[in-house]
N, C-alpha and C. Protein backbone atom coordinates (compact mmCIF):
# COMPACT_ATOMS: atom_id res chain seq x y z
N MET A 1 4.47 -112.23 -23.70
CA MET A 1 3.68 -111.01 -23.43
C MET A 1 2.78 -110.79 -24.52
N ALA A 2 1.51 -110.65 -23.96
CA ALA A 2 0.49 -110.30 -24.97
C ALA A 2 0.66 -108.88 -25.18
N ASP A 3 0.21 -108.57 -26.85
CA ASP A 3 0.12 -107.35 -27.19
C ASP A 3 -1.10 -106.58 -26.85
N GLU A 4 -1.04 -105.55 -26.27
CA GLU A 4 -2.18 -104.84 -25.79
C GLU A 4 -2.35 -103.84 -26.91
N LYS A 5 -3.75 -103.91 -27.37
CA LYS A 5 -4.01 -103.09 -28.44
C LYS A 5 -4.50 -101.81 -27.90
N LYS A 6 -3.86 -100.61 -28.35
CA LYS A 6 -4.50 -99.40 -27.70
C LYS A 6 -5.32 -98.88 -28.45
N THR A 7 -6.16 -98.44 -27.92
CA THR A 7 -7.60 -97.85 -28.58
C THR A 7 -7.51 -96.23 -28.46
N ALA A 8 -7.56 -95.66 -29.58
CA ALA A 8 -7.44 -94.29 -29.58
C ALA A 8 -8.81 -93.83 -29.38
N ASP A 9 -8.93 -92.99 -28.21
CA ASP A 9 -10.17 -92.28 -27.94
C ASP A 9 -10.63 -91.36 -29.14
N ALA A 10 -11.84 -91.49 -29.86
CA ALA A 10 -12.01 -90.54 -30.85
C ALA A 10 -12.23 -89.08 -30.09
N PRO A 11 -11.68 -88.02 -30.80
CA PRO A 11 -12.03 -86.63 -30.12
C PRO A 11 -13.54 -86.57 -29.99
N GLU A 12 -13.78 -86.05 -28.89
CA GLU A 12 -15.16 -85.60 -28.49
C GLU A 12 -15.64 -84.25 -29.34
N GLU A 13 -16.67 -84.57 -29.73
CA GLU A 13 -17.20 -83.22 -30.56
C GLU A 13 -17.61 -82.46 -29.62
N LYS A 14 -17.26 -81.19 -29.89
CA LYS A 14 -17.52 -80.03 -29.04
C LYS A 14 -18.81 -79.14 -29.36
N LYS A 15 -19.78 -79.34 -28.64
CA LYS A 15 -20.84 -78.69 -28.83
C LYS A 15 -20.73 -77.24 -28.46
N SER A 16 -21.30 -76.30 -29.55
CA SER A 16 -21.29 -75.07 -29.25
C SER A 16 -22.03 -74.45 -28.40
N THR A 17 -21.67 -73.98 -27.39
CA THR A 17 -22.44 -73.29 -26.22
C THR A 17 -22.86 -71.93 -26.44
N ARG A 18 -22.69 -71.39 -27.65
CA ARG A 18 -22.88 -69.99 -28.13
C ARG A 18 -24.33 -69.95 -28.69
N VAL A 19 -25.04 -69.49 -28.21
CA VAL A 19 -26.36 -69.25 -28.87
C VAL A 19 -26.46 -68.12 -30.02
N LYS A 20 -27.03 -68.58 -30.98
CA LYS A 20 -27.17 -67.75 -32.23
C LYS A 20 -28.25 -66.98 -31.91
N LYS A 21 -28.26 -65.87 -32.81
CA LYS A 21 -29.36 -64.72 -32.57
C LYS A 21 -30.05 -64.48 -33.83
N GLN A 22 -31.24 -64.10 -33.51
CA GLN A 22 -32.44 -63.66 -34.60
C GLN A 22 -32.18 -62.21 -34.54
N TYR A 23 -31.84 -61.52 -35.54
CA TYR A 23 -31.66 -60.00 -35.70
C TYR A 23 -32.95 -59.39 -36.11
N VAL A 24 -33.38 -58.38 -35.69
CA VAL A 24 -34.68 -57.45 -36.30
C VAL A 24 -33.77 -56.34 -36.53
N LEU A 25 -33.75 -55.97 -37.92
CA LEU A 25 -33.01 -55.20 -38.50
C LEU A 25 -33.92 -54.08 -39.39
N PRO A 26 -33.34 -52.80 -39.60
CA PRO A 26 -33.99 -52.02 -40.61
C PRO A 26 -33.78 -52.60 -42.05
N HIS A 27 -34.96 -52.47 -42.94
CA HIS A 27 -34.60 -52.94 -44.57
C HIS A 27 -35.25 -51.87 -45.22
N GLU A 28 -35.10 -51.85 -46.34
CA GLU A 28 -35.43 -50.75 -47.35
C GLU A 28 -37.08 -51.00 -47.74
N ARG A 29 -37.57 -52.02 -47.25
CA ARG A 29 -39.10 -52.12 -47.25
C ARG A 29 -39.65 -52.14 -45.92
N GLY A 30 -38.93 -51.93 -44.98
CA GLY A 30 -39.51 -51.88 -43.67
C GLY A 30 -38.57 -52.42 -42.65
N TRP A 31 -38.80 -53.78 -41.99
CA TRP A 31 -37.97 -54.34 -41.10
C TRP A 31 -37.84 -55.87 -41.39
N GLN A 32 -36.65 -56.36 -41.32
CA GLN A 32 -36.23 -57.80 -41.79
C GLN A 32 -35.75 -58.57 -40.38
N VAL A 33 -35.98 -59.76 -40.30
CA VAL A 33 -35.50 -60.71 -39.41
C VAL A 33 -34.40 -61.61 -40.22
N LYS A 34 -33.20 -61.80 -39.53
CA LYS A 34 -32.28 -62.30 -40.06
C LYS A 34 -31.56 -63.10 -38.98
N LEU A 35 -31.21 -64.28 -39.50
CA LEU A 35 -30.35 -65.15 -38.52
C LEU A 35 -29.06 -64.89 -38.46
N GLU A 36 -28.32 -64.83 -37.32
CA GLU A 36 -26.96 -64.46 -37.27
C GLU A 36 -26.05 -65.27 -38.24
N GLY A 37 -25.22 -64.41 -39.09
CA GLY A 37 -24.33 -65.26 -39.87
C GLY A 37 -25.05 -65.51 -41.23
N SER A 38 -26.26 -65.25 -41.58
CA SER A 38 -26.90 -65.38 -42.78
C SER A 38 -26.81 -64.10 -43.45
N SER A 39 -26.40 -64.53 -44.79
CA SER A 39 -26.38 -63.12 -45.83
C SER A 39 -27.89 -62.62 -46.25
N LYS A 40 -28.97 -63.47 -46.10
CA LYS A 40 -30.30 -63.12 -46.67
C LYS A 40 -31.25 -62.86 -45.59
N ALA A 41 -32.36 -62.04 -45.72
CA ALA A 41 -33.29 -61.88 -44.58
C ALA A 41 -34.20 -63.17 -44.54
N THR A 42 -34.75 -63.58 -43.42
CA THR A 42 -35.44 -64.83 -43.26
C THR A 42 -37.00 -64.22 -43.79
N LYS A 43 -37.18 -63.09 -43.27
CA LYS A 43 -38.51 -62.59 -43.83
C LYS A 43 -38.62 -60.99 -43.48
N VAL A 44 -39.35 -60.27 -44.35
CA VAL A 44 -39.54 -58.95 -44.39
C VAL A 44 -40.92 -58.45 -43.80
N PHE A 45 -40.84 -57.43 -43.01
CA PHE A 45 -42.34 -56.97 -42.71
C PHE A 45 -42.20 -55.63 -42.87
N LYS A 46 -43.53 -54.94 -42.58
CA LYS A 46 -43.74 -53.53 -42.95
C LYS A 46 -43.38 -52.74 -41.44
N THR A 47 -43.78 -53.37 -40.41
CA THR A 47 -43.38 -52.81 -39.07
C THR A 47 -42.55 -53.41 -38.39
N LYS A 48 -41.76 -52.72 -37.37
CA LYS A 48 -40.91 -53.42 -36.47
C LYS A 48 -41.76 -54.23 -35.38
N LEU A 49 -43.02 -53.97 -35.10
CA LEU A 49 -43.49 -54.97 -34.02
C LEU A 49 -43.80 -56.21 -34.90
N GLU A 50 -44.26 -56.28 -36.05
CA GLU A 50 -44.45 -57.66 -36.67
C GLU A 50 -43.16 -58.42 -36.92
N ALA A 51 -42.33 -57.97 -37.04
CA ALA A 51 -40.76 -58.42 -37.05
C ALA A 51 -40.39 -58.87 -35.91
N GLU A 52 -40.67 -58.04 -34.87
CA GLU A 52 -40.31 -58.58 -33.39
C GLU A 52 -41.11 -59.94 -33.04
N ALA A 53 -42.46 -59.81 -33.28
CA ALA A 53 -43.29 -60.85 -33.04
C ALA A 53 -42.60 -62.31 -33.72
N TYR A 54 -42.51 -62.07 -34.97
CA TYR A 54 -42.00 -63.26 -35.75
C TYR A 54 -40.63 -63.91 -35.36
N ALA A 55 -39.68 -62.86 -34.93
CA ALA A 55 -38.31 -63.16 -34.42
C ALA A 55 -38.57 -63.89 -33.05
N LYS A 56 -39.28 -63.50 -32.21
CA LYS A 56 -39.63 -64.06 -30.99
C LYS A 56 -39.96 -65.43 -31.00
N GLN A 57 -40.99 -65.81 -32.34
CA GLN A 57 -41.61 -67.11 -32.39
C GLN A 57 -40.31 -68.06 -32.79
N LEU A 58 -39.79 -67.42 -33.87
CA LEU A 58 -38.48 -68.36 -34.32
C LEU A 58 -37.31 -68.53 -33.23
N ALA A 59 -37.20 -67.58 -32.21
CA ALA A 59 -36.36 -67.77 -31.25
C ALA A 59 -36.78 -68.80 -30.32
N LYS A 60 -37.88 -68.74 -30.07
CA LYS A 60 -38.49 -69.98 -29.17
C LYS A 60 -38.43 -71.31 -29.89
N ASN A 61 -38.77 -71.52 -31.21
CA ASN A 61 -38.60 -72.51 -31.63
C ASN A 61 -37.36 -73.15 -32.01
N GLN A 62 -36.40 -72.21 -32.03
CA GLN A 62 -34.85 -72.63 -32.64
C GLN A 62 -33.98 -72.48 -31.50
N ASP A 63 -34.43 -72.27 -30.30
CA ASP A 63 -33.50 -71.71 -29.20
C ASP A 63 -32.39 -70.91 -29.34
N THR A 64 -33.05 -69.98 -29.90
CA THR A 64 -31.93 -68.54 -30.22
C THR A 64 -32.36 -67.31 -29.31
N HIS A 65 -31.75 -66.27 -29.64
CA HIS A 65 -32.08 -65.01 -28.93
C HIS A 65 -32.51 -63.96 -29.90
N VAL A 66 -33.24 -63.01 -29.26
CA VAL A 66 -33.58 -61.78 -30.31
C VAL A 66 -32.73 -60.79 -29.91
N VAL A 67 -32.30 -60.08 -31.08
CA VAL A 67 -31.62 -58.76 -30.90
C VAL A 67 -32.14 -57.73 -31.78
N ARG A 68 -32.53 -56.48 -31.17
CA ARG A 68 -33.20 -55.46 -32.01
C ARG A 68 -32.35 -54.52 -32.31
N GLN A 69 -32.47 -54.02 -33.60
CA GLN A 69 -31.63 -52.69 -33.72
C GLN A 69 -32.28 -51.69 -34.31
N LYS A 70 -32.11 -50.22 -33.75
CA LYS A 70 -32.77 -49.32 -34.07
C LYS A 70 -32.54 -48.64 -35.56
N LYS A 71 -33.29 -47.87 -36.08
CA LYS A 71 -32.96 -47.41 -37.32
C LYS A 71 -31.82 -46.71 -37.48
N ASP A 72 -31.32 -45.97 -36.28
CA ASP A 72 -30.22 -45.23 -36.46
C ASP A 72 -28.75 -46.25 -36.25
N GLY A 73 -29.17 -47.61 -36.21
CA GLY A 73 -27.96 -48.66 -36.11
C GLY A 73 -27.63 -48.94 -34.84
N THR A 74 -27.92 -48.10 -33.70
CA THR A 74 -27.59 -48.75 -32.61
C THR A 74 -28.74 -49.88 -32.01
N PHE A 75 -28.18 -50.56 -30.70
CA PHE A 75 -29.09 -51.76 -30.70
C PHE A 75 -29.94 -51.57 -29.44
N GLN A 76 -31.14 -51.90 -29.44
CA GLN A 76 -32.18 -51.70 -28.45
C GLN A 76 -31.92 -52.39 -27.29
N LYS A 77 -32.06 -52.07 -26.09
CA LYS A 77 -31.96 -52.87 -24.94
C LYS A 77 -32.97 -53.91 -24.85
N LYS A 78 -32.64 -54.94 -23.97
CA LYS A 78 -33.61 -56.28 -23.87
C LYS A 78 -34.80 -55.52 -23.19
N LYS A 79 -35.90 -56.32 -23.53
CA LYS A 79 -37.23 -55.70 -22.94
C LYS A 79 -37.51 -56.58 -21.75
């Protein structure tokens, strides 16, 4: 009887289906764009409008979502 060599299937890499977020948050010098999980701002802007435009471009290029926060700490609804 021939020995059958068992092949161990390598565990499949699980791809995260969760999409990261680009946050537009208040900052002491205006507004910041920050990637979810990051401790530092990607970039800081004087106006929220500038920060949102930048975050939208990053989100498009990196396949992420944009989340906007108001100065009072609540989150703004999607546009």
